[in-house]
C-alpha atoms as a PDB file:
ATOM      1  CA  MET A   1     104.788  19.136 -36.628  1.00  0.00           C
ATOM      2  CA  THR A   2     103.501  15.579 -37.009  1.00  0.00           C
ATOM      3  CA  ASP A   3      99.857  15.112 -36.021  1.00  0.00           C
ATOM      4  CA  ILE A   4      98.585  12.167 -33.990  1.00  0.00           C
ATOM      5  CA  SER A   5      96.749  10.587 -36.952  1.00  0.00           C
ATOM      6  CA  SER A   6      99.923  10.121 -38.989  1.00  0.00           C
ATOM      7  CA  VAL A   7     101.730   8.623 -35.981  1.00  0.00           C
ATOM      8  CA  ARG A   8      98.856   6.216 -35.438  1.00  0.00           C
ATOM      9  CA  GLU A   9      99.033   5.195 -39.099  1.00  0.00           C
ATOM     10  CA  GLU A  10     102.680   4.282 -38.550  1.00  0.00           C
ATOM     11  CA  ILE A  11     101.711   2.315 -35.429  1.00  0.00           C
ATOM     12  CA  ASP A  12      99.085   0.418 -37.453  1.00  0.00           C
ATOM     13  CA  LYS A  13     101.748  -0.515 -40.003  1.00  0.00           C
ATOM     14  CA  VAL A  14     104.050  -1.760 -37.251  1.00  0.00           C
ATOM     15  CA  ASP A  15     101.179  -3.755 -35.714  1.00  0.00           C
ATOM     16  CA  GLU A  16     100.568  -5.405 -39.074  1.00  0.00           C
ATOM     17  CA  GLN A  17     104.232  -6.390 -39.275  1.00  0.00           C
ATOM     18  CA  ILE A  18     104.128  -7.766 -35.723  1.00  0.00           C
ATOM     19  CA  LEU A  19     101.089  -9.927 -36.517  1.00  0.00           C
ATOM     20  CA  SER A  20     102.655 -11.164 -39.770  1.00  0.00           C
ATOM     21  CA  LEU A  21     105.815 -12.174 -37.919  1.00  0.00           C
ATOM     22  CA  ILE A  22     103.823 -13.883 -35.175  1.00  0.00           C
ATOM     23  CA  SER A  23     101.917 -15.793 -37.862  1.00  0.00           C
ATOM     24  CA  LEU A  24     105.200 -16.857 -39.447  1.00  0.00           C
ATOM     25  CA  ARG A  25     106.589 -17.915 -36.064  1.00  0.00           C
ATOM     26  CA  PHE A  26     103.525 -20.081 -35.405  1.00  0.00           C
ATOM     27  CA  LYS A  27     103.875 -21.745 -38.821  1.00  0.00           C
ATOM     28  CA  LEU A  28     107.500 -22.595 -38.030  1.00  0.00           C
ATOM     29  CA  VAL A  29     106.425 -23.910 -34.630  1.00  0.00           C
ATOM     30  CA  GLY A  30     104.026 -26.260 -36.429  1.00  0.00           C
ATOM     31  CA  GLU A  31     106.975 -27.646 -38.382  1.00  0.00           C
ATOM     32  CA  VAL A  32     108.901 -28.135 -35.137  1.00  0.00           C
ATOM     33  CA  GLY A  33     105.900 -30.028 -33.759  1.00  0.00           C
ATOM     34  CA  LYS A  34     105.968 -32.463 -36.677  1.00  0.00           C
ATOM     35  CA  ILE A  35     109.678 -33.120 -36.109  1.00  0.00           C
ATOM     36  CA  LYS A  36     109.152 -33.633 -32.364  1.00  0.00           C
ATOM     37  CA  GLN A  37     106.323 -36.074 -33.034  1.00  0.00           C
ATOM     38  CA  LYS A  38     108.446 -38.012 -35.527  1.00  0.00           C
ATOM     39  CA  ASP A  39     111.392 -38.186 -33.092  1.00  0.00           C
ATOM     40  CA  GLY A  40     109.206 -38.976 -30.079  1.00  0.00           C
ATOM     41  CA  ARG A  41     110.155 -35.800 -28.221  1.00  0.00           C
ATOM     42  CA  THR A  42     108.040 -34.110 -25.558  1.00  0.00           C
ATOM     43  CA  ILE A  43     106.198 -30.886 -26.306  1.00  0.00           C
ATOM     44  CA  THR A  44     107.907 -28.910 -23.541  1.00  0.00           C
ATOM     45  CA  ASP A  45     111.638 -28.227 -23.895  1.00  0.00           C
ATOM     46  CA  LYS A  46     112.665 -26.158 -20.865  1.00  0.00           C
ATOM     47  CA  ARG A  47     116.267 -25.818 -22.044  1.00  0.00           C
ATOM     48  CA  ARG A  48     115.099 -24.292 -25.315  1.00  0.00           C
ATOM     49  CA  GLU A  49     112.588 -22.019 -23.550  1.00  0.00           C
ATOM     50  CA  ASN A  50     115.288 -20.724 -21.189  1.00  0.00           C
ATOM     51  CA  GLU A  51     117.610 -20.165 -24.135  1.00  0.00           C
ATOM     52  CA  VAL A  52     114.974 -18.145 -26.026  1.00  0.00           C
ATOM     53  CA  MET A  53     114.130 -16.169 -22.887  1.00  0.00           C
ATOM     54  CA  GLU A  54     117.777 -15.222 -22.388  1.00  0.00           C
ATOM     55  CA  LYS A  55     118.071 -14.072 -26.008  1.00  0.00           C
ATOM     56  CA  TRP A  56     114.895 -12.000 -25.777  1.00  0.00           C
ATOM     57  CA  VAL A  57     115.910 -10.373 -22.502  1.00  0.00           C
ATOM     58  CA  SER A  58     119.381  -9.564 -23.810  1.00  0.00           C
ATOM     59  CA  ARG A  59     118.028  -8.078 -27.027  1.00  0.00           C
ATOM     60  CA  ALA A  60     115.308  -6.164 -25.136  1.00  0.00           C
ATOM     61  CA  ARG A  61     117.894  -4.503 -22.920  1.00  0.00           C
ATOM     62  CA  GLY A  62     119.741  -3.268 -25.973  1.00  0.00           C
ATOM     63  CA  LEU A  63     116.524  -1.842 -27.407  1.00  0.00           C
ATOM     64  CA  GLY A  64     115.441  -0.183 -24.163  1.00  0.00           C
ATOM     65  CA  ILE A  65     112.458  -2.527 -23.696  1.00  0.00           C
ATOM     66  CA  PRO A  66     111.639  -3.362 -20.045  1.00  0.00           C
ATOM     67  CA  GLU A  67     112.721  -6.854 -19.048  1.00  0.00           C
ATOM     68  CA  SER A  68     109.407  -7.335 -17.209  1.00  0.00           C
ATOM     69  CA  PHE A  69     107.521  -6.868 -20.496  1.00  0.00           C
ATOM     70  CA  VAL A  70     109.487  -9.644 -22.187  1.00  0.00           C
ATOM     71  CA  LYS A  71     109.051 -11.977 -19.225  1.00  0.00           C
ATOM     72  CA  SER A  72     105.304 -11.442 -19.265  1.00  0.00           C
ATOM     73  CA  ILE A  73     104.684 -11.801 -23.006  1.00  0.00           C
ATOM     74  CA  LEU A  74     107.065 -14.645 -23.908  1.00  0.00           C
ATOM     75  CA  PRO A  75     105.428 -17.332 -21.694  1.00  0.00           C
ATOM     76  CA  LEU A  76     102.167 -16.580 -23.514  1.00  0.00           C
ATOM     77  CA  ILE A  77     103.883 -17.125 -26.863  1.00  0.00           C
ATOM     78  CA  PHE A  78     105.384 -20.384 -25.541  1.00  0.00           C
ATOM     79  CA  SER A  79     101.946 -21.545 -24.421  1.00  0.00           C
ATOM     80  CA  TYR A  80     100.239 -20.893 -27.753  1.00  0.00           C
ATOM     81  CA  SER A  81     103.212 -22.351 -29.628  1.00  0.00           C
ATOM     82  CA  LYS A  82     102.856 -25.629 -27.731  1.00  0.00           C
ATOM     83  CA  MET A  83      99.186 -25.796 -28.679  1.00  0.00           C
ATOM     84  CA  LEU A  84     100.139 -25.589 -32.350  1.00  0.00           C
ATOM     85  CA  GLU A  85     102.554 -28.509 -31.950  1.00  0.00           C
ATOM     86  CA  LEU A  86      99.755 -30.864 -30.880  1.00  0.00           C
ATOM     87  CA  ASN A  87      98.598 -33.291 -33.538  1.00  0.00           C
ATOM     88  CA  PRO A  88      98.148 -36.866 -32.273  1.00  0.00           C
ATOM     89  CA  ASP A  89      98.044 -39.445 -35.034  1.00  0.00           C
ATOM     90  CA  GLU A  90      95.303 -41.419 -33.273  1.00  0.00           C
ATOM     91  CA  LYS A  91      92.113 -39.713 -32.163  1.00  0.00           C
ATOM     92  CA  ARG A  92      90.363 -41.266 -29.153  1.00  0.00           C
ATOM     93  CA  ARG A  93      86.741 -41.374 -28.022  1.00  0.00           C
ATOM     94  CA  VAL A  94      86.963 -39.786 -24.572  1.00  0.00           C
ATOM     95  CA  VAL A  95      84.183 -39.583 -21.984  1.00  0.00           C
ATOM     96  CA  ILE A  96      84.587 -37.083 -19.160  1.00  0.00           C
ATOM     97  CA  LEU A  97      82.319 -37.862 -16.228  1.00  0.00           C
ATOM     98  CA  GLY A  98      81.947 -34.570 -14.383  1.00  0.00           C
ATOM     99  CA  TYR A  99      81.669 -30.874 -15.198  1.00  0.00           C
ATOM    100  CA  GLY A 100      83.739 -29.070 -12.566  1.00  0.00           C
ATOM    101  CA  GLY A 101      86.946 -27.070 -12.938  1.00  0.00           C
ATOM    102  CA  MET A 102      89.242 -29.975 -13.803  1.00  0.00           C
ATOM    103  CA  ALA A 103      86.681 -31.486 -16.178  1.00  0.00           C
ATOM    104  CA  ARG A 104      86.623 -28.133 -17.956  1.00  0.00           C
ATOM    105  CA  SER A 105      90.415 -27.982 -18.052  1.00  0.00           C
ATOM    106  CA  LEU A 106      90.747 -31.469 -19.571  1.00  0.00           C
ATOM    107  CA  THR A 107      87.911 -30.822 -22.011  1.00  0.00           C
ATOM    108  CA  SER A 108      89.659 -27.684 -23.256  1.00  0.00           C
ATOM    109  CA  LEU A 109      92.879 -29.625 -23.836  1.00  0.00           C
ATOM    110  CA  LEU A 110      91.484 -32.813 -25.373  1.00  0.00           C
ATOM    111  CA  SER A 111      89.054 -31.020 -27.674  1.00  0.00           C
ATOM    112  CA  LEU A 112      91.850 -28.690 -28.791  1.00  0.00           C
ATOM    113  CA  VAL A 113      93.966 -31.682 -29.777  1.00  0.00           C
ATOM    114  CA  GLY A 114      91.116 -33.137 -31.797  1.00  0.00           C
ATOM    115  CA  HIS A 115      89.946 -36.085 -29.728  1.00  0.00           C
ATOM    116  CA  GLU A 116      86.227 -36.847 -29.743  1.00  0.00           C
ATOM    117  CA  VAL A 117      85.006 -35.731 -26.317  1.00  0.00           C
ATOM    118  CA  VAL A 118      81.676 -36.417 -24.625  1.00  0.00           C
ATOM    119  CA  ILE A 119      80.643 -34.867 -21.307  1.00  0.00           C
ATOM    120  CA  THR A 120      78.313 -36.747 -18.988  1.00  0.00           C
ATOM    121  CA  GLY A 121      77.033 -36.799 -15.412  1.00  0.00           C
ATOM    122  CA  ARG A 122      73.852 -36.837 -13.394  1.00  0.00           C
ATOM    123  CA  ASN A 123      73.059 -33.234 -14.248  1.00  0.00           C
ATOM    124  CA  LEU A 124      72.733 -33.291 -18.031  1.00  0.00           C
ATOM    125  CA  GLN A 125      72.167 -29.534 -18.192  1.00  0.00           C
ATOM    126  CA  ARG A 126      75.560 -28.860 -16.610  1.00  0.00           C
ATOM    127  CA  ALA A 127      77.117 -31.465 -18.884  1.00  0.00           C
ATOM    128  CA  SER A 128      75.514 -29.782 -21.878  1.00  0.00           C
ATOM    129  CA  ASN A 129      76.735 -26.348 -20.769  1.00  0.00           C
ATOM    130  CA  LEU A 130      80.334 -27.547 -20.558  1.00  0.00           C
ATOM    131  CA  ALA A 131      80.089 -29.414 -23.851  1.00  0.00           C
ATOM    132  CA  SER A 132      78.749 -26.389 -25.717  1.00  0.00           C
ATOM    133  CA  GLU A 133      81.583 -24.206 -24.395  1.00  0.00           C
ATOM    134  CA  PHE A 134      84.131 -26.300 -26.289  1.00  0.00           C
ATOM    135  CA  ARG A 135      81.912 -27.507 -29.152  1.00  0.00           C
ATOM    136  CA  THR A 136      81.776 -31.070 -27.894  1.00  0.00           C
ATOM    137  CA  VAL A 137      78.640 -33.065 -27.062  1.00  0.00           C
ATOM    138  CA  SER A 138      76.913 -34.386 -23.955  1.00  0.00           C
ATOM    139  CA  MET A 139      75.145 -37.706 -23.391  1.00  0.00           C
ATOM    140  CA  ASN A 140      73.486 -39.578 -20.569  1.00  0.00           C
ATOM    141  CA  MET A 141      75.924 -41.781 -18.652  1.00  0.00           C
ATOM    142  CA  LYS A 142      74.725 -45.090 -20.104  1.00  0.00           C
ATOM    143  CA  ASP A 143      75.082 -44.022 -23.742  1.00  0.00           C
ATOM    144  CA  ALA A 144      78.336 -42.165 -23.065  1.00  0.00           C
ATOM    145  CA  LEU A 145      80.083 -45.151 -21.490  1.00  0.00           C
ATOM    146  CA  LYS A 146      78.830 -47.442 -24.237  1.00  0.00           C
ATOM    147  CA  TRP A 147      80.322 -45.059 -26.831  1.00  0.00           C
ATOM    148  CA  GLY A 148      83.668 -44.145 -25.254  1.00  0.00           C
ATOM    149  CA  GLU A 149      87.089 -45.796 -25.171  1.00  0.00           C
ATOM    150  CA  PHE A 150      88.692 -43.787 -22.367  1.00  0.00           C
ATOM    151  CA  ILE A 151      86.498 -42.889 -19.379  1.00  0.00           C
ATOM    152  CA  ILE A 152      87.879 -40.048 -17.233  1.00  0.00           C
ATOM    153  CA  VAL A 153      86.181 -39.796 -13.842  1.00  0.00           C
ATOM    154  CA  ALA A 154      86.449 -36.128 -12.860  1.00  0.00           C
ATOM    155  CA  ILE A 155      84.431 -36.103  -9.639  1.00  0.00           C
ATOM    156  CA  PRO A 156      85.554 -35.768  -5.982  1.00  0.00           C
ATOM    157  CA  PRO A 157      87.056 -38.856  -4.278  1.00  0.00           C
ATOM    158  CA  THR A 158      84.223 -38.944  -1.749  1.00  0.00           C
ATOM    159  CA  ALA A 159      81.703 -39.187  -4.586  1.00  0.00           C
ATOM    160  CA  ILE A 160      83.659 -42.011  -6.209  1.00  0.00           C
ATOM    161  CA  VAL A 161      83.423 -44.284  -3.157  1.00  0.00           C
ATOM    162  CA  SER A 162      79.988 -43.147  -1.951  1.00  0.00           C
ATOM    163  CA  GLY A 163      78.000 -45.383  -4.283  1.00  0.00           C
ATOM    164  CA  PHE A 164      77.588 -42.774  -7.010  1.00  0.00           C
ATOM    165  CA  LEU A 165      79.346 -45.051  -9.514  1.00  0.00           C
ATOM    166  CA  ASP A 166      77.612 -48.319  -8.557  1.00  0.00           C
ATOM    167  CA  ASN A 167      75.450 -48.285 -11.688  1.00  0.00           C
ATOM    168  CA  VAL A 168      78.179 -46.751 -13.838  1.00  0.00           C
ATOM    169  CA  LEU A 169      81.184 -49.030 -13.336  1.00  0.00           C
ATOM    170  CA  PRO A 170      79.570 -52.150 -14.877  1.00  0.00           C
ATOM    171  CA  LEU A 171      79.082 -50.121 -18.068  1.00  0.00           C
ATOM    172  CA  ALA A 172      82.852 -49.610 -18.306  1.00  0.00           C
ATOM    173  CA  ARG A 173      83.532 -53.269 -19.114  1.00  0.00           C
ATOM    174  CA  GLY A 174      86.223 -53.530 -21.776  1.00  0.00           C
ATOM    175  CA  LYS A 175      87.044 -49.812 -21.472  1.00  0.00           C
ATOM    176  CA  THR A 176      89.916 -47.896 -19.878  1.00  0.00           C
ATOM    177  CA  LEU A 177      88.845 -45.920 -16.817  1.00  0.00           C
ATOM    178  CA  MET A 178      90.950 -43.177 -15.235  1.00  0.00           C
ATOM    179  CA  ASP A 179      90.359 -41.104 -12.115  1.00  0.00           C
ATOM    180  CA  ILE A 180      92.065 -37.723 -11.577  1.00  0.00           C
ATOM    181  CA  SER A 181      92.040 -37.650  -7.759  1.00  0.00           C
ATOM    182  CA  SER A 182      94.783 -35.681  -6.011  1.00  0.00           C
ATOM    183  CA  SER A 183      95.024 -38.312  -3.260  1.00  0.00           C
ATOM    184  CA  LYS A 184      95.015 -42.020  -4.036  1.00  0.00           C
ATOM    185  CA  ASN A 185      94.702 -43.083  -0.389  1.00  0.00           C
ATOM    186  CA  TYR A 186      91.446 -45.042  -0.699  1.00  0.00           C
ATOM    187  CA  VAL A 187      90.278 -44.216  -4.230  1.00  0.00           C
ATOM    188  CA  PHE A 188      92.987 -46.322  -5.876  1.00  0.00           C
ATOM    189  CA  SER A 189      92.160 -49.545  -4.025  1.00  0.00           C
ATOM    190  CA  PHE A 190      88.417 -48.949  -4.504  1.00  0.00           C
ATOM    191  CA  LEU A 191      88.676 -48.543  -8.278  1.00  0.00           C
ATOM    192  CA  GLU A 192      91.265 -51.301  -8.638  1.00  0.00           C
ATOM    193  CA  LYS A 193      88.896 -53.749  -6.927  1.00  0.00           C
ATOM    194  CA  ALA A 194      85.997 -52.464  -9.044  1.00  0.00           C
ATOM    195  CA  SER A 195      88.046 -52.969 -12.229  1.00  0.00           C
ATOM    196  CA  VAL A 196      88.550 -56.640 -11.363  1.00  0.00           C
ATOM    197  CA  GLU A 197      84.870 -57.119 -10.545  1.00  0.00           C
ATOM    198  CA  ASN A 198      83.553 -55.232 -13.590  1.00  0.00           C
ATOM    199  CA  GLY A 199      86.098 -56.126 -16.235  1.00  0.00           C
ATOM    200  CA  PHE A 200      87.530 -52.710 -17.119  1.00  0.00           C
ATOM    201  CA  ARG A 201      91.136 -51.524 -17.183  1.00  0.00           C
ATOM    202  CA  PHE A 202      91.926 -49.065 -14.430  1.00  0.00           C
ATOM    203  CA  VAL A 203      94.736 -46.527 -14.795  1.00  0.00           C
ATOM    204  CA  SER A 204      94.928 -43.895 -12.087  1.00  0.00           C
ATOM    205  CA  THR A 205      96.035 -40.411 -13.105  1.00  0.00           C
ATOM    206  CA  HIS A 206      96.673 -37.094 -11.382  1.00  0.00           C
ATOM    207  CA  PRO A 207      96.948 -33.922 -13.488  1.00  0.00           C
ATOM    208  CA  LEU A 208      99.636 -31.898 -11.712  1.00  0.00           C
ATOM    209  CA  PHE A 209      97.968 -28.561 -12.414  1.00  0.00           C
ATOM    210  CA  GLY A 210      94.914 -26.621 -11.348  1.00  0.00           C
ATOM    211  CA  PRO A 211      91.709 -25.955 -13.291  1.00  0.00           C
ATOM    212  CA  SER A 212      93.316 -23.862 -16.035  1.00  0.00           C
ATOM    213  CA  LEU A 213      92.380 -23.761 -19.701  1.00  0.00           C
ATOM    214  CA  TYR A 214      94.581 -25.440 -22.325  1.00  0.00           C
ATOM    215  CA  PRO A 215      97.238 -26.748 -19.885  1.00  0.00           C
ATOM    216  CA  VAL A 216      99.693 -27.682 -22.639  1.00  0.00           C
ATOM    217  CA  GLY A 217     103.148 -28.584 -21.321  1.00  0.00           C
ATOM    218  CA  GLU A 218     101.980 -29.389 -17.795  1.00  0.00           C
ATOM    219  CA  LYS A 219     102.632 -32.717 -16.051  1.00  0.00           C
ATOM    220  CA  ILE A 220     100.371 -35.663 -15.304  1.00  0.00           C
ATOM    221  CA  ALA A 221     101.167 -38.562 -12.969  1.00  0.00           C
ATOM    222  CA  ILE A 222     100.104 -42.017 -14.146  1.00  0.00           C
ATOM    223  CA  ILE A 223      99.733 -44.978 -11.789  1.00  0.00           C
ATOM    224  CA  PRO A 224      99.078 -48.417 -13.286  1.00  0.00           C
ATOM    225  CA  SER A 225      96.967 -50.952 -11.379  1.00  0.00           C
ATOM    226  CA  SER A 226      96.801 -54.746 -11.353  1.00  0.00           C
ATOM    227  CA  THR A 227      94.429 -54.575 -14.328  1.00  0.00           C
ATOM    228  CA  SER A 228      96.651 -52.249 -16.385  1.00  0.00           C
ATOM    229  CA  THR A 229     100.109 -53.764 -16.618  1.00  0.00           C
ATOM    230  CA  ASN A 230     100.531 -52.403 -20.162  1.00  0.00           C
ATOM    231  CA  ILE A 231      99.737 -48.693 -20.299  1.00  0.00           C
ATOM    232  CA  ASN A 232     101.811 -47.605 -23.273  1.00  0.00           C
ATOM    233  CA  ASP A 233      98.697 -46.451 -25.133  1.00  0.00           C
ATOM    234  CA  VAL A 234      97.605 -44.339 -22.147  1.00  0.00           C
ATOM    235  CA  ILE A 235     101.057 -42.780 -21.843  1.00  0.00           C
ATOM    236  CA  GLU A 236     101.063 -41.956 -25.561  1.00  0.00           C
ATOM    237  CA  PHE A 237      97.531 -40.563 -25.307  1.00  0.00           C
ATOM    238  CA  TRP A 238      98.549 -38.020 -22.680  1.00  0.00           C
ATOM    239  CA  LYS A 239     101.924 -37.228 -24.246  1.00  0.00           C
ATOM    240  CA  LYS A 240     100.378 -36.524 -27.633  1.00  0.00           C
ATOM    241  CA  SER A 241      97.720 -34.438 -25.904  1.00  0.00           C
ATOM    242  CA  GLY A 242     100.485 -32.110 -24.752  1.00  0.00           C
ATOM    243  CA  LEU A 243     101.252 -33.298 -21.212  1.00  0.00           C
ATOM    244  CA  SER A 244     104.510 -34.583 -19.723  1.00  0.00           C
ATOM    245  CA  VAL A 245     103.993 -38.006 -18.149  1.00  0.00           C
ATOM    246  CA  ILE A 246     105.398 -39.230 -14.840  1.00  0.00           C
ATOM    247  CA  GLU A 247     104.796 -42.935 -14.175  1.00  0.00           C
ATOM    248  CA  THR A 248     104.741 -43.833 -10.482  1.00  0.00           C
ATOM    249  CA  ASP A 249     103.104 -46.037  -7.832  1.00  0.00           C
ATOM    250  CA  PRO A 250     100.424 -45.145  -5.234  1.00  0.00           C
ATOM    251  CA  ASP A 251     102.725 -44.792  -2.204  1.00  0.00           C
ATOM    252  CA  SER A 252     105.405 -42.770  -4.015  1.00  0.00           C
ATOM    253  CA  HIS A 253     102.652 -40.512  -5.345  1.00  0.00           C
ATOM    254  CA  GLU A 254     101.200 -39.916  -1.871  1.00  0.00           C
ATOM    255  CA  LYS A 255     104.631 -39.171  -0.402  1.00  0.00           C
ATOM    256  CA  ALA A 256     105.418 -36.690  -3.167  1.00  0.00           C
ATOM    257  CA  MET A 257     101.993 -35.024  -2.853  1.00  0.00           C
ATOM    258  CA  SER A 258     102.459 -34.700   0.901  1.00  0.00           C
ATOM    259  CA  ILE A 259     105.333 -32.337   0.105  1.00  0.00           C
ATOM    260  CA  VAL A 260     104.284 -30.492  -3.054  1.00  0.00           C
ATOM    261  CA  GLN A 261     100.625 -30.156  -2.033  1.00  0.00           C
ATOM    262  CA  VAL A 262      99.975 -30.853   1.652  1.00  0.00           C
ATOM    263  CA  LEU A 263     103.016 -29.070   3.105  1.00  0.00           C
ATOM    264  CA  VAL A 264     102.997 -26.157   0.650  1.00  0.00           C
ATOM    265  CA  HIS A 265      99.252 -25.575   1.011  1.00  0.00           C
ATOM    266  CA  PHE A 266      99.532 -25.847   4.798  1.00  0.00           C
ATOM    267  CA  TYR A 267     102.157 -23.102   4.899  1.00  0.00           C
ATOM    268  CA  MET A 268     100.205 -20.945   2.455  1.00  0.00           C
ATOM    269  CA  MET A 269      96.945 -21.289   4.391  1.00  0.00           C
ATOM    270  CA  GLY A 270      98.801 -20.314   7.552  1.00  0.00           C
ATOM    271  CA  LEU A 271     100.519 -17.410   5.807  1.00  0.00           C
ATOM    272  CA  SER A 272      97.222 -16.089   4.449  1.00  0.00           C
ATOM    273  CA  LYS A 273      95.585 -16.210   7.866  1.00  0.00           C
ATOM    274  CA  ALA A 274      98.638 -14.673   9.563  1.00  0.00           C
ATOM    275  CA  ILE A 275      98.735 -11.768   7.090  1.00  0.00           C
ATOM    276  CA  ASP A 276      95.043 -11.009   7.661  1.00  0.00           C
ATOM    277  CA  GLU A 277      95.160 -11.260  11.460  1.00  0.00           C
ATOM    278  CA  ILE A 278      98.444  -9.389  11.988  1.00  0.00           C
ATOM    279  CA  SER A 279      97.463  -6.639   9.518  1.00  0.00           C
ATOM    280  CA  SER A 280      94.234  -6.136  11.473  1.00  0.00           C
ATOM    281  CA  GLU A 281      96.051  -6.045  14.807  1.00  0.00           C
ATOM    282  CA  MET A 282      98.598  -3.521  13.530  1.00  0.00           C
ATOM    283  CA  GLY A 283      96.029  -1.427  11.670  1.00  0.00           C
ATOM    284  CA  VAL A 284      97.864  -1.399   8.335  1.00  0.00           C
ATOM    285  CA  ASN A 285      97.074  -2.464   4.798  1.00  0.00           C
ATOM    286  CA  PRO A 286     100.185  -4.293   3.497  1.00  0.00           C
ATOM    287  CA  SER A 287      98.912  -4.060  -0.101  1.00  0.00           C
ATOM    288  CA  ASP A 288      99.595  -0.321   0.009  1.00  0.00           C
ATOM    289  CA  PHE A 289     103.290  -1.115   0.482  1.00  0.00           C
ATOM    290  CA  GLU A 290     103.527  -4.326  -1.529  1.00  0.00           C
ATOM    291  CA  THR A 291     106.887  -5.403  -2.889  1.00  0.00           C
ATOM    292  CA  THR A 292     107.256  -7.504  -6.033  1.00  0.00           C
ATOM    293  CA  ASN A 293     107.605 -10.670  -3.952  1.00  0.00           C
ATOM    294  CA  PHE A 294     104.584  -9.834  -1.817  1.00  0.00           C
ATOM    295  CA  ARG A 295     102.491  -9.190  -4.925  1.00  0.00           C
ATOM    296  CA  GLU A 296     103.447 -12.565  -6.439  1.00  0.00           C
ATOM    297  CA  VAL A 297     102.866 -14.399  -3.157  1.00  0.00           C
ATOM    298  CA  SER A 298      99.478 -12.694  -2.804  1.00  0.00           C
ATOM    299  CA  LYS A 299      98.414 -14.050  -6.196  1.00  0.00           C
ATOM    300  CA  SER A 300      99.304 -17.564  -5.067  1.00  0.00           C
ATOM    301  CA  LEU A 301      97.412 -17.086  -1.810  1.00  0.00           C
ATOM    302  CA  GLU A 302      94.332 -15.985  -3.755  1.00  0.00           C
ATOM    303  CA  ARG A 303      94.428 -19.227  -5.741  1.00  0.00           C
ATOM    304  CA  VAL A 304      94.798 -21.262  -2.561  1.00  0.00           C
ATOM    305  CA  ASN A 305      91.842 -19.520  -0.921  1.00  0.00           C
ATOM    306  CA  TYR A 306      89.753 -20.017  -4.082  1.00  0.00           C
ATOM    307  CA  LEU A 307      90.488 -23.776  -4.006  1.00  0.00           C
ATOM    308  CA  LYS A 308      90.183 -24.083  -0.226  1.00  0.00           C
ATOM    309  CA  ASP A 309      87.600 -26.911  -0.287  1.00  0.00           C
ATOM    310  CA  VAL A 310      89.782 -29.023  -2.582  1.00  0.00           C
ATOM    311  CA  ILE A 311      92.874 -28.258  -0.502  1.00  0.00           C
ATOM    312  CA  ILE A 312      91.154 -29.276   2.736  1.00  0.00           C
ATOM    313  CA  GLU A 313      90.071 -32.522   1.050  1.00  0.00           C
ATOM    314  CA  ILE A 314      93.693 -33.254   0.120  1.00  0.00           C
ATOM    315  CA  GLN A 315      94.811 -32.480   3.686  1.00  0.00           C
ATOM    316  CA  GLU A 316      92.235 -34.938   5.008  1.00  0.00           C
ATOM    317  CA  ASN A 317      92.920 -37.764   2.557  1.00  0.00           C
ATOM    318  CA  ASN A 318      96.708 -37.888   2.192  1.00  0.00           C
ATOM    319  CA  PRO A 319      98.026 -40.555   4.616  1.00  0.00           C
ATOM    320  CA  TYR A 320     101.217 -38.574   5.274  1.00  0.00           C
ATOM    321  CA  SER A 321      99.405 -35.294   5.881  1.00  0.00           C
ATOM    322  CA  ARG A 322      99.683 -35.177   9.691  1.00  0.00           C
ATOM    323  CA  GLN A 323     103.330 -36.230   9.555  1.00  0.00           C
ATOM    324  CA  VAL A 324     104.419 -33.487   7.147  1.00  0.00           C
ATOM    325  CA  ARG A 325     102.373 -30.784   8.897  1.00  0.00           C
ATOM    326  CA  GLU A 326     103.994 -31.607  12.236  1.00  0.00           C
ATOM    327  CA  ALA A 327     107.414 -31.666  10.571  1.00  0.00           C
ATOM    328  CA  GLY A 328     106.597 -28.317   8.945  1.00  0.00           C
ATOM    329  CA  ILE A 329     105.688 -26.760  12.300  1.00  0.00           C
ATOM    330  CA  ASP A 330     108.890 -28.090  13.894  1.00  0.00           C
ATOM    331  CA  THR A 331     110.928 -26.637  11.031  1.00  0.00           C
ATOM    332  CA  LEU A 332     109.335 -23.198  11.457  1.00  0.00           C
ATOM    333  CA  LYS A 333     110.151 -23.292  15.164  1.00  0.00           C
ATOM    334  CA  ARG A 334     113.804 -24.121  14.388  1.00  0.00           C
ATOM    335  CA  VAL A 335     114.002 -21.345  11.825  1.00  0.00           C
ATOM    336  CA  ASN A 336     112.607 -18.929  14.405  1.00  0.00           C
ATOM    337  CA  GLU A 337     115.131 -20.114  16.983  1.00  0.00           C
ATOM    338  CA  GLU A 338     117.992 -19.707  14.486  1.00  0.00           C
ATOM    339  CA  ILE A 339     116.903 -16.137  13.715  1.00  0.00           C
ATOM    340  CA  ASN A 340     116.606 -15.276  17.427  1.00  0.00           C
ATOM    341  CA  LEU A 341     119.998 -16.854  18.138  1.00  0.00           C
ATOM    342  CA  LYS A 342     121.644 -14.897  15.340  1.00  0.00           C
ATOM    343  CA  LYS A 343     119.949 -11.689  16.534  1.00  0.00           C
ATOM    344  CA  GLY A 344     121.188 -12.360  20.051  1.00  0.00           C
ATOM    345  CA  LYS A 345     124.758 -12.755  18.860  1.00  0.00           C
ATOM    346  CA  GLU A 346     124.532  -9.521  16.883  1.00  0.00           C
ATOM    347  CA  ASN A 347     123.248  -7.639  19.954  1.00  0.00           C
ATOM    348  CA  LYS A 348     126.190  -8.888  22.039  1.00  0.00           C
ATOM    349  CA  THR A 349     128.669  -7.582  19.514  1.00  0.00           C
END
């Protein structure tokens, strides 16, 4: 009879083979990255990812490996593979003004790629804490803006227009300044005017992802202003930092965000509140009976509740917010009526 020690020795040998193969895969991915960079291709190739996923799932079924295991582990491999493909040929001096969740997310990405990153803000201790997390440096705002090429303003829209930047914007003369605001309603015109007055190039951006670490393969919207008619270098900067670029204009951006952010968040906030209130009224805990869909939806609702302050800010600032919320309510009413009508017909039969 085989004892547990000998079986574990065999497992250790298998683990070593797994790690060796993963190492080899990552080396090959690096070669793919060089080819993509040479050909001007984007980091993310959804067609290829879907193709690999299908092959893995098919092979896993034949080996008796649960499909759910493959679908959980392969996205992680994709994510790390994309990181290894990043190698921009031009390193930039980047200043990130702010130290919140999105500042942390962008710092993780840009430092990973190899850009020189400096963190700054009023609270130098918080700037220093973020900088040390990713082995970058912090500076006071005056020295940071004097040093940097690209200035990324990662503070709330209300702070941008409140006078916080009055002493900062003149220091950006000759630089490229980017905001990352989710809504461009009043921030865009404010910074565009400031760019004319202070002699810097303003390019508005919106990372289309939350405050996650190493967001390789995600999307970023770029909106040129009157002082940034040529933004090819900015587009290349973000592409070679691992993001997919969508170039747009302020109004198209706000309309799109009214759907993908305002409307979706509105429904999710309502769903979260409805689940809590109805569960209390009925005296049940739905988590005890959760389905796969409910579990996945619950994870999304947790993220929405965690980012509630940011979500409310977006609801308040998007100029199409009221319009899409009212349309969303009307649509729910029609859906309810359709269900009741269908139920009524079924009862008659």
